[in-house]
């Protein structure tokens, strides 16, 4: 392939991935909540966690994770159940925290452990989403030439990582503005309740959904 052809493939995958990131989902919900409730540092840590999950699935998608799931359905089943249970647990915790009083649910200064937890929350939320590997592998199958080089594949994964970081960093900066966060903080309890229900519902859906064919 020529350099121009490589560039066209990278540009296509970058554009598709940007659209996928902009559409609100679990990652967007997590970053939004952290930016408003915990502040910019926590949301940025989650952003890098999400982008790291994107990179993992990007590499897996390039090397054909969908084919592996079809050949070994129990792997997809394990991912679905594990991811679903994790999301349901996160959702239940959000619901319970929404009923606590302000003193119990107050936002204290962010420690190093909390920032680390935010990173892993973003990483696991992306990594344990069983839709992610199917979507990524389909994207690569549709956009990649049949005999794409490893260099081209890894460049596309890097582009996906950058898109995720840039988009969610923008969301973080916007929602951590005082005027914006003040509006959201007034609705903090309802944000937690809606997020909790959404995480639990999607977790249940992941567990009960059929395997890819």
Protein backbone atom coordinates (compact mmCIF):
# COMPACT_ATOMS: atom_id res chain seq x y z
CA UNK A 1 0.00 0.00 0.00
CA UNK A 2 1.09 3.55 -0.67
CA UNK A 3 1.43 6.24 1.97
CA UNK A 4 -1.68 7.94 0.58
CA UNK A 5 -3.71 4.74 0.95
CA UNK A 6 -2.43 4.27 4.50
CA UNK A 7 -3.42 7.82 5.34
CA UNK A 8 -6.93 7.31 3.93
CA UNK A 9 -7.42 4.24 6.11
CA UNK A 10 -6.19 6.05 9.23
CA UNK A 11 -8.40 9.05 8.44
CA UNK A 12 -11.47 6.83 7.95
CA UNK A 13 -10.98 4.94 11.22
CA UNK A 14 -10.26 8.20 13.09
CA UNK A 15 -13.45 9.78 11.74
CA UNK A 16 -15.60 6.75 12.57
CA UNK A 17 -14.09 6.51 16.04
CA UNK A 18 -14.68 10.21 16.72
CA UNK A 19 -18.37 9.71 15.94
CA UNK A 20 -18.45 6.65 18.21
CA UNK A 21 -16.91 8.64 21.05
CA UNK A 22 -19.29 11.59 20.63
CA UNK A 23 -22.39 9.40 20.88
CA UNK A 24 -23.22 9.30 24.64
CA UNK A 25 -22.61 5.96 26.29
CA UNK A 26 -21.20 4.46 29.47
CA UNK A 27 -17.82 6.15 29.06
CA UNK A 28 -19.46 9.55 28.53
CA UNK A 29 -21.70 9.00 31.54
CA UNK A 30 -18.75 8.14 33.77
CA UNK A 31 -16.62 11.12 32.70
CA UNK A 32 -19.58 13.49 33.02
CA UNK A 33 -20.33 12.38 36.54
CA UNK A 34 -16.70 12.49 37.67
CA UNK A 35 -16.12 15.94 36.14
CA UNK A 36 -19.12 17.36 37.99
CA UNK A 37 -18.91 15.44 41.27
CA UNK A 38 -15.19 14.83 41.78
CA UNK A 39 -13.56 17.52 39.68
CA UNK A 40 -11.21 17.76 36.74
CA UNK A 41 -8.35 15.54 38.01
CA UNK A 42 -10.62 12.52 38.60
CA UNK A 43 -12.33 12.90 35.23
CA UNK A 44 -9.00 13.21 33.41
CA UNK A 45 -7.73 10.09 35.14
CA UNK A 46 -10.87 8.27 34.00
CA UNK A 47 -10.28 9.65 30.51
CA UNK A 48 -6.86 8.01 30.32
CA UNK A 49 -8.36 4.83 31.73
CA UNK A 50 -11.00 4.81 28.99
CA UNK A 51 -8.39 5.54 26.32
CA UNK A 52 -6.26 2.67 27.64
CA UNK A 53 -9.27 0.36 27.32
CA UNK A 54 -9.77 1.64 23.78
CA UNK A 55 -6.14 0.79 22.99
CA UNK A 56 -6.53 -2.74 24.35
CA UNK A 57 -9.65 -3.38 22.28
CA UNK A 58 -8.06 -1.68 19.29
CA UNK A 59 -5.12 -4.06 19.31
CA UNK A 60 -7.45 -7.02 19.93
CA UNK A 61 -9.76 -5.88 17.15
CA UNK A 62 -6.91 -5.58 14.68
CA UNK A 63 -5.78 -9.12 15.46
CA UNK A 64 -9.29 -10.54 15.10
CA UNK A 65 -10.91 -10.79 18.54
CA UNK A 66 -14.35 -11.29 16.95
CA UNK A 67 -13.18 -14.45 15.21
CA UNK A 68 -11.83 -15.70 18.55
CA UNK A 69 -15.16 -15.04 20.26
CA UNK A 70 -17.00 -16.97 17.53
CA UNK A 71 -14.52 -19.87 17.77
CA UNK A 72 -14.67 -19.90 21.59
CA UNK A 73 -18.12 -18.59 22.66
CA UNK A 74 -17.35 -19.16 26.34
CA UNK A 75 -14.82 -16.30 26.21
CA UNK A 76 -17.50 -13.87 25.06
CA UNK A 77 -19.90 -15.30 27.66
CA UNK A 78 -17.32 -14.74 30.40
CA UNK A 79 -16.78 -11.16 29.26
CA UNK A 80 -20.52 -10.51 29.13
CA UNK A 81 -21.18 -11.89 32.60
CA UNK A 82 -18.12 -10.26 34.17
CA UNK A 83 -18.79 -6.92 32.52
CA UNK A 84 -22.48 -7.04 33.31
CA UNK A 85 -21.90 -7.82 36.97
CA UNK A 86 -19.33 -5.04 37.26
CA UNK A 87 -21.71 -2.48 35.73
CA UNK A 88 -24.57 -3.64 37.94
CA UNK A 89 -22.35 -3.28 41.01
CA UNK A 90 -21.32 0.23 39.98
CA UNK A 91 -24.94 1.13 39.35
CA UNK A 92 -26.06 -0.20 42.72
CA UNK A 93 -23.36 1.82 44.50
CA UNK A 94 -24.44 4.98 42.69
CA UNK A 95 -28.06 4.42 43.66
CA UNK A 96 -27.16 3.84 47.29
CA UNK A 97 -24.90 6.90 47.42
CA UNK A 98 -27.69 9.07 45.98
CA UNK A 99 -29.79 8.45 49.09
CA UNK A 100 -27.05 9.44 51.54
CA UNK A 101 -27.07 12.85 53.16
CA UNK A 102 -24.76 15.60 51.98
CA UNK A 103 -22.23 14.95 54.76
CA UNK A 104 -21.83 11.30 53.78
CA UNK A 105 -21.79 11.95 50.05
CA UNK A 106 -19.77 15.16 50.08
CA UNK A 107 -16.90 15.63 47.68
CA UNK A 108 -13.67 15.70 49.60
CA UNK A 109 -10.29 16.60 48.13
CA UNK A 110 -9.04 13.97 45.75
CA UNK A 111 -6.26 11.74 47.06
CA UNK A 112 -3.81 9.71 45.00
CA UNK A 113 -5.82 6.54 45.72
CA UNK A 114 -9.01 8.19 44.50
CA UNK A 115 -7.30 9.32 41.29
CA UNK A 116 -6.04 5.78 40.78
CA UNK A 117 -9.56 4.47 41.35
CA UNK A 118 -10.86 6.90 38.74
CA UNK A 119 -8.34 5.59 36.21
CA UNK A 120 -9.35 1.99 36.83
CA UNK A 121 -13.05 2.91 36.80
CA UNK A 122 -12.58 4.32 33.30
CA UNK A 123 -10.41 1.40 32.21
CA UNK A 124 -12.82 -1.26 33.47
CA UNK A 125 -15.94 0.53 32.23
CA UNK A 126 -14.51 0.45 28.71
CA UNK A 127 -12.76 -2.90 28.92
CA UNK A 128 -15.73 -4.80 30.37
CA UNK A 129 -18.18 -3.50 27.80
CA UNK A 130 -18.79 -6.54 25.55
CA UNK A 131 -20.02 -4.25 22.78
CA UNK A 132 -16.56 -2.67 22.46
CA UNK A 133 -14.63 -5.60 20.93
CA UNK A 134 -17.44 -6.38 18.50
CA UNK A 135 -17.69 -2.77 17.32
CA UNK A 136 -13.92 -2.30 17.06
CA UNK A 137 -13.35 -5.55 15.19
CA UNK A 138 -16.20 -4.69 12.80
CA UNK A 139 -14.66 -1.26 12.24
CA UNK A 140 -11.30 -2.78 11.38
CA UNK A 141 -12.91 -5.41 9.14
CA UNK A 142 -14.76 -2.71 7.20
CA UNK A 143 -11.89 -0.21 6.97
CA UNK A 144 -8.68 -2.23 6.84
CA UNK A 145 -7.25 -3.73 3.65
CA UNK A 146 -6.94 -7.51 3.67
CA UNK A 147 -3.19 -7.61 4.23
CA UNK A 148 -2.70 -4.53 6.37
CA UNK A 149 0.70 -4.14 7.99
CA UNK A 150 1.14 -4.22 11.75
CA UNK A 151 2.47 -0.66 11.50
CA UNK A 152 -0.80 0.51 9.93
CA UNK A 153 -2.88 -1.33 12.52
CA UNK A 154 -0.97 0.08 15.48
CA UNK A 155 -1.09 3.58 13.98
CA UNK A 156 -4.88 3.31 13.78
CA UNK A 157 -5.01 2.13 17.40
CA UNK A 158 -2.88 5.12 18.42
CA UNK A 159 -5.26 7.42 16.54
CA UNK A 160 -8.22 5.88 18.41
CA UNK A 161 -6.40 6.44 21.72
CA UNK A 162 -5.76 10.09 20.88
CA UNK A 163 -9.37 10.65 19.79
CA UNK A 164 -10.65 9.22 23.08
CA UNK A 165 -8.28 11.39 25.15
CA UNK A 166 -9.03 14.59 23.22
CA UNK A 167 -12.81 14.13 23.24
CA UNK A 168 -13.20 13.21 26.89
CA UNK A 169 -10.65 15.83 27.96
CA UNK A 170 -12.82 18.40 26.17
CA UNK A 171 -15.92 17.06 27.97
CA UNK A 172 -14.04 17.22 31.27
CA UNK A 173 -12.88 20.80 30.77
CA UNK A 174 -16.37 21.91 29.76
CA UNK A 175 -18.22 20.24 32.62
CA UNK A 176 -15.68 21.26 35.26
CA UNK A 177 -16.33 24.96 34.60
CA UNK A 178 -17.86 26.57 37.67
CA UNK A 179 -21.06 27.69 35.96
CA UNK A 180 -21.67 24.35 34.32
CA UNK A 181 -20.80 22.23 37.35
CA UNK A 182 -22.98 24.40 39.60
CA UNK A 183 -26.02 23.50 37.51
CA UNK A 184 -25.17 19.81 37.59
CA UNK A 185 -24.43 19.81 41.32
CA UNK A 186 -27.94 21.02 42.02
CA UNK A 187 -29.14 17.83 40.37
CA UNK A 188 -26.42 15.62 41.87
CA UNK A 189 -28.76 13.09 43.44
CA UNK A 190 -30.78 12.64 40.27
CA UNK A 191 -27.62 12.36 38.18
CA UNK A 192 -26.44 9.53 40.44
CA UNK A 193 -29.84 7.85 40.30
CA UNK A 194 -30.10 8.07 36.52
CA UNK A 195 -26.50 6.89 36.12
CA UNK A 196 -27.09 4.04 38.57
CA UNK A 197 -30.20 2.85 36.74
CA UNK A 198 -28.44 3.14 33.36
CA UNK A 199 -25.40 1.14 34.53
CA UNK A 200 -27.58 -1.57 36.10
CA UNK A 201 -29.87 -1.81 33.06
CA UNK A 202 -26.97 -2.09 30.63
CA UNK A 203 -25.24 -4.60 32.90
CA UNK A 204 -28.38 -6.75 32.90
CA UNK A 205 -28.65 -6.38 29.13
CA UNK A 206 -25.05 -7.49 28.64
CA UNK A 207 -25.62 -10.59 30.77
CA UNK A 208 -28.80 -11.64 28.96
CA UNK A 209 -27.78 -10.70 25.42
CA UNK A 210 -27.02 -13.41 22.89
CA UNK A 211 -23.49 -14.08 21.70
CA UNK A 212 -22.32 -12.70 18.33
CA UNK A 213 -22.84 -14.86 15.28
